[in-house]
Amino acid sequence: MYSYICVMENSLLSHNRELANVLECESLITSKSYKVKILVDALRLVSADKDISEGKLIIPDNCEQYGFVEGNHNLGILLHFLADMLEE
């Protein structure tokens, strides 16, 4: 149990360092098109992940006002679709 907690703490520290690096770089990325490219690449990368690509996203009723259709959707396909739409 202790080793599992240590692994979790190390993982959290690693994620916090990565987030700090992203925040430091944010001021260096001034071009809107470059930010969109980063987002598109990230969405495509994440959508290809096996755990995520097999995931489901349930969109409840009353989300039509936000442009989403109610139902059970494949998360990987949805993320890849968003990447395609952002790229155009």
N, C-alpha and C. Protein backbone atom coordinates (compact mmCIF):
# COMPACT_ATOMS: atom_id res chain seq x y z
N MET A 1 0.83 -1.19 0.00
CA MET A 1 0.00 0.00 0.00
C MET A 1 0.88 1.26 0.00
N TYR A 2 1.94 1.27 0.80
CA TYR A 2 2.81 2.44 0.89
C TYR A 2 3.46 2.74 -0.45
N SER A 3 3.93 1.69 -1.13
CA SER A 3 4.60 1.92 -2.42
C SER A 3 3.61 2.50 -3.43
N TYR A 4 2.35 2.09 -3.35
CA TYR A 4 1.34 2.63 -4.26
C TYR A 4 1.13 4.12 -4.00
N ILE A 5 1.10 4.51 -2.74
CA ILE A 5 0.94 5.93 -2.39
C ILE A 5 2.15 6.73 -2.90
N CYS A 6 3.35 6.18 -2.74
CA CYS A 6 4.55 6.87 -3.22
C CYS A 6 4.50 7.05 -4.73
N VAL A 7 4.06 6.03 -5.43
CA VAL A 7 3.95 6.12 -6.89
C VAL A 7 2.96 7.20 -7.26
N MET A 8 1.83 7.25 -6.55
CA MET A 8 0.82 8.28 -6.83
C MET A 8 1.39 9.67 -6.57
N GLU A 9 2.09 9.84 -5.45
CA GLU A 9 2.67 11.14 -5.13
C GLU A 9 3.70 11.55 -6.17
N ASN A 10 4.54 10.62 -6.59
CA ASN A 10 5.53 10.93 -7.62
C ASN A 10 4.86 11.30 -8.93
N SER A 11 3.78 10.61 -9.25
CA SER A 11 3.04 10.90 -10.47
C SER A 11 2.44 12.31 -10.41
N LEU A 12 1.87 12.66 -9.26
CA LEU A 12 1.29 13.99 -9.09
C LEU A 12 2.36 15.06 -9.19
N LEU A 13 3.52 14.81 -8.58
CA LEU A 13 4.61 15.78 -8.67
C LEU A 13 5.06 15.95 -10.11
N SER A 14 5.13 14.84 -10.83
CA SER A 14 5.53 14.89 -12.24
C SER A 14 4.53 15.70 -13.05
N HIS A 15 3.23 15.46 -12.82
CA HIS A 15 2.19 16.22 -13.53
C HIS A 15 2.25 17.70 -13.18
N ASN A 16 2.51 18.02 -11.92
CA ASN A 16 2.61 19.42 -11.51
C ASN A 16 3.79 20.10 -12.18
N ARG A 17 4.91 19.39 -12.32
CA ARG A 17 6.08 19.96 -13.01
C ARG A 17 5.76 20.19 -14.48
N GLU A 18 5.08 19.23 -15.10
CA GLU A 18 4.71 19.38 -16.51
C GLU A 18 3.78 20.57 -16.69
N LEU A 19 2.81 20.72 -15.79
CA LEU A 19 1.89 21.86 -15.85
C LEU A 19 2.65 23.17 -15.68
N ALA A 20 3.60 23.20 -14.77
CA ALA A 20 4.40 24.42 -14.58
C ALA A 20 5.18 24.75 -15.85
N ASN A 21 5.71 23.72 -16.51
CA ASN A 21 6.44 23.96 -17.76
C ASN A 21 5.51 24.50 -18.84
N VAL A 22 4.29 23.97 -18.90
CA VAL A 22 3.32 24.46 -19.88
C VAL A 22 2.97 25.91 -19.59
N LEU A 23 2.75 26.23 -18.33
CA LEU A 23 2.39 27.60 -17.97
C LEU A 23 3.54 28.57 -18.27
N GLU A 24 4.77 28.12 -18.06
CA GLU A 24 5.92 28.97 -18.39
C GLU A 24 6.00 29.20 -19.89
N CYS A 25 5.70 28.18 -20.66
CA CYS A 25 5.77 28.29 -22.12
C CYS A 25 4.61 29.08 -22.69
N GLU A 26 3.52 29.18 -21.95
CA GLU A 26 2.33 29.85 -22.46
C GLU A 26 2.62 31.29 -22.87
N SER A 27 3.45 31.96 -22.10
CA SER A 27 3.78 33.34 -22.45
C SER A 27 4.64 33.43 -23.70
N LEU A 28 5.31 32.33 -24.04
CA LEU A 28 6.14 32.30 -25.23
C LEU A 28 5.33 32.02 -26.50
N ILE A 29 4.17 31.39 -26.34
CA ILE A 29 3.31 31.04 -27.48
C ILE A 29 2.30 32.16 -27.66
N THR A 30 2.57 33.04 -28.60
CA THR A 30 1.69 34.19 -28.78
C THR A 30 0.79 34.04 -29.99
N SER A 31 1.16 33.20 -30.92
CA SER A 31 0.39 33.04 -32.14
C SER A 31 -0.85 32.19 -31.89
N LYS A 32 -2.02 32.72 -32.25
CA LYS A 32 -3.26 31.97 -32.08
C LYS A 32 -3.25 30.71 -32.93
N SER A 33 -2.74 30.78 -34.15
CA SER A 33 -2.73 29.60 -35.01
C SER A 33 -1.83 28.50 -34.43
N TYR A 34 -0.74 28.89 -33.78
CA TYR A 34 0.13 27.89 -33.17
C TYR A 34 -0.55 27.23 -31.98
N LYS A 35 -1.30 28.01 -31.21
CA LYS A 35 -2.05 27.45 -30.07
C LYS A 35 -3.09 26.46 -30.56
N VAL A 36 -3.77 26.79 -31.66
CA VAL A 36 -4.78 25.89 -32.22
C VAL A 36 -4.11 24.61 -32.72
N LYS A 37 -2.95 24.74 -33.35
CA LYS A 37 -2.22 23.56 -33.83
C LYS A 37 -1.84 22.65 -32.66
N ILE A 38 -1.39 23.23 -31.57
CA ILE A 38 -1.05 22.44 -30.38
C ILE A 38 -2.29 21.70 -29.87
N LEU A 39 -3.43 22.40 -29.82
CA LEU A 39 -4.67 21.79 -29.35
C LEU A 39 -5.11 20.67 -30.29
N VAL A 40 -5.04 20.91 -31.60
CA VAL A 40 -5.43 19.89 -32.59
C VAL A 40 -4.54 18.66 -32.45
N ASP A 41 -3.25 18.86 -32.35
CA ASP A 41 -2.32 17.74 -32.19
C ASP A 41 -2.59 16.96 -30.90
N ALA A 42 -2.86 17.69 -29.83
CA ALA A 42 -3.15 17.04 -28.55
C ALA A 42 -4.44 16.23 -28.62
N LEU A 43 -5.47 16.79 -29.24
CA LEU A 43 -6.74 16.06 -29.37
C LEU A 43 -6.56 14.79 -30.20
N ARG A 44 -5.80 14.87 -31.27
CA ARG A 44 -5.56 13.68 -32.10
C ARG A 44 -4.75 12.63 -31.33
N LEU A 45 -3.76 13.08 -30.60
CA LEU A 45 -2.94 12.16 -29.81
C LEU A 45 -3.79 11.45 -28.76
N VAL A 46 -4.58 12.21 -28.05
CA VAL A 46 -5.42 11.64 -26.99
C VAL A 46 -6.50 10.74 -27.58
N SER A 47 -7.07 11.13 -28.72
CA SER A 47 -8.14 10.32 -29.32
C SER A 47 -7.62 8.96 -29.78
N ALA A 48 -6.32 8.84 -30.03
CA ALA A 48 -5.74 7.58 -30.47
C ALA A 48 -5.39 6.65 -29.31
N ASP A 49 -5.40 7.18 -28.09
CA ASP A 49 -5.09 6.37 -26.91
C ASP A 49 -6.16 5.28 -26.76
N LYS A 50 -5.74 4.05 -26.53
CA LYS A 50 -6.67 2.91 -26.49
C LYS A 50 -7.74 3.09 -25.42
N ASP A 51 -7.35 3.49 -24.21
CA ASP A 51 -8.33 3.64 -23.13
C ASP A 51 -9.35 4.73 -23.45
N ILE A 52 -8.90 5.80 -24.05
CA ILE A 52 -9.81 6.91 -24.36
C ILE A 52 -10.63 6.60 -25.60
N SER A 53 -10.00 6.01 -26.62
CA SER A 53 -10.73 5.74 -27.87
C SER A 53 -11.87 4.75 -27.67
N GLU A 54 -11.76 3.91 -26.66
CA GLU A 54 -12.83 2.96 -26.37
C GLU A 54 -13.84 3.51 -25.37
N GLY A 55 -13.59 4.71 -24.85
CA GLY A 55 -14.49 5.30 -23.86
C GLY A 55 -15.78 5.81 -24.48
N LYS A 56 -16.75 5.97 -23.64
CA LYS A 56 -18.05 6.49 -24.07
C LYS A 56 -18.32 7.81 -23.36
N LEU A 57 -18.99 8.69 -24.07
CA LEU A 57 -19.40 9.98 -23.51
C LEU A 57 -20.91 10.05 -23.59
N ILE A 58 -21.55 10.20 -22.47
CA ILE A 58 -23.01 10.30 -22.44
C ILE A 58 -23.38 11.77 -22.36
N ILE A 59 -24.08 12.22 -23.38
CA ILE A 59 -24.54 13.60 -23.41
C ILE A 59 -26.01 13.58 -23.02
N PRO A 60 -26.35 14.23 -21.90
CA PRO A 60 -27.73 14.19 -21.43
C PRO A 60 -28.67 15.09 -22.25
N ASP A 61 -29.94 14.93 -21.98
CA ASP A 61 -30.96 15.76 -22.61
C ASP A 61 -30.71 17.23 -22.24
N ASN A 62 -31.22 18.13 -23.00
CA ASN A 62 -31.10 19.58 -22.80
C ASN A 62 -29.73 20.14 -23.13
N CYS A 63 -28.89 19.38 -23.82
CA CYS A 63 -27.60 19.90 -24.24
C CYS A 63 -27.64 20.42 -25.67
N GLU A 64 -28.81 20.30 -26.30
CA GLU A 64 -28.95 20.80 -27.66
C GLU A 64 -28.68 22.29 -27.74
N GLN A 65 -28.98 23.00 -26.66
CA GLN A 65 -28.74 24.45 -26.64
C GLN A 65 -27.26 24.79 -26.78
N TYR A 66 -26.39 23.81 -26.48
CA TYR A 66 -24.95 24.00 -26.63
C TYR A 66 -24.42 23.38 -27.91
N GLY A 67 -25.32 22.82 -28.72
CA GLY A 67 -24.93 22.23 -29.99
C GLY A 67 -24.58 20.76 -29.93
N PHE A 68 -24.93 20.09 -28.84
CA PHE A 68 -24.62 18.67 -28.68
C PHE A 68 -25.89 17.85 -28.76
N VAL A 69 -25.81 16.71 -29.42
CA VAL A 69 -26.95 15.82 -29.56
C VAL A 69 -26.94 14.82 -28.41
N GLU A 70 -28.11 14.65 -27.81
CA GLU A 70 -28.26 13.70 -26.71
C GLU A 70 -27.90 12.29 -27.18
N GLY A 71 -27.24 11.55 -26.32
CA GLY A 71 -26.95 10.16 -26.64
C GLY A 71 -25.64 9.66 -26.09
N ASN A 72 -25.32 8.45 -26.50
CA ASN A 72 -24.11 7.75 -26.07
C ASN A 72 -23.12 7.83 -27.22
N HIS A 73 -21.98 8.49 -27.02
CA HIS A 73 -21.03 8.74 -28.11
C HIS A 73 -19.67 8.15 -27.79
N ASN A 74 -18.95 7.78 -28.85
CA ASN A 74 -17.59 7.27 -28.71
C ASN A 74 -16.66 8.46 -28.48
N LEU A 75 -15.93 8.44 -27.37
CA LEU A 75 -15.09 9.56 -26.98
C LEU A 75 -13.94 9.79 -27.97
N GLY A 76 -13.31 8.72 -28.43
CA GLY A 76 -12.20 8.86 -29.38
C GLY A 76 -12.63 9.52 -30.68
N ILE A 77 -13.76 9.09 -31.19
CA ILE A 77 -14.28 9.66 -32.44
C ILE A 77 -14.66 11.12 -32.24
N LEU A 78 -15.27 11.43 -31.11
CA LEU A 78 -15.66 12.81 -30.83
C LEU A 78 -14.44 13.73 -30.73
N LEU A 79 -13.40 13.29 -30.05
CA LEU A 79 -12.19 14.11 -29.93
C LEU A 79 -11.50 14.31 -31.28
N HIS A 80 -11.47 13.25 -32.10
CA HIS A 80 -10.88 13.36 -33.43
C HIS A 80 -11.71 14.31 -34.30
N PHE A 81 -13.02 14.24 -34.18
CA PHE A 81 -13.90 15.15 -34.91
C PHE A 81 -13.64 16.60 -34.51
N LEU A 82 -13.51 16.85 -33.22
CA LEU A 82 -13.21 18.22 -32.75
C LEU A 82 -11.88 18.71 -33.31
N ALA A 83 -10.89 17.85 -33.37
CA ALA A 83 -9.60 18.21 -33.94
C ALA A 83 -9.77 18.59 -35.41
N ASP A 84 -10.53 17.80 -36.15
CA ASP A 84 -10.77 18.11 -37.56
C ASP A 84 -11.47 19.46 -37.73
N MET A 85 -12.46 19.72 -36.90
CA MET A 85 -13.20 20.98 -37.01
C MET A 85 -12.34 22.18 -36.65
N LEU A 86 -11.48 22.04 -35.67
CA LEU A 86 -10.59 23.13 -35.27
C LEU A 86 -9.55 23.41 -36.34
N GLU A 87 -9.16 22.37 -37.05
CA GLU A 87 -8.11 22.52 -38.05
C GLU A 87 -8.58 23.31 -39.28
N GLU A 88 -9.86 23.23 -39.57
CA GLU A 88 -10.36 23.88 -40.79
C GLU A 88 -10.53 25.36 -40.62
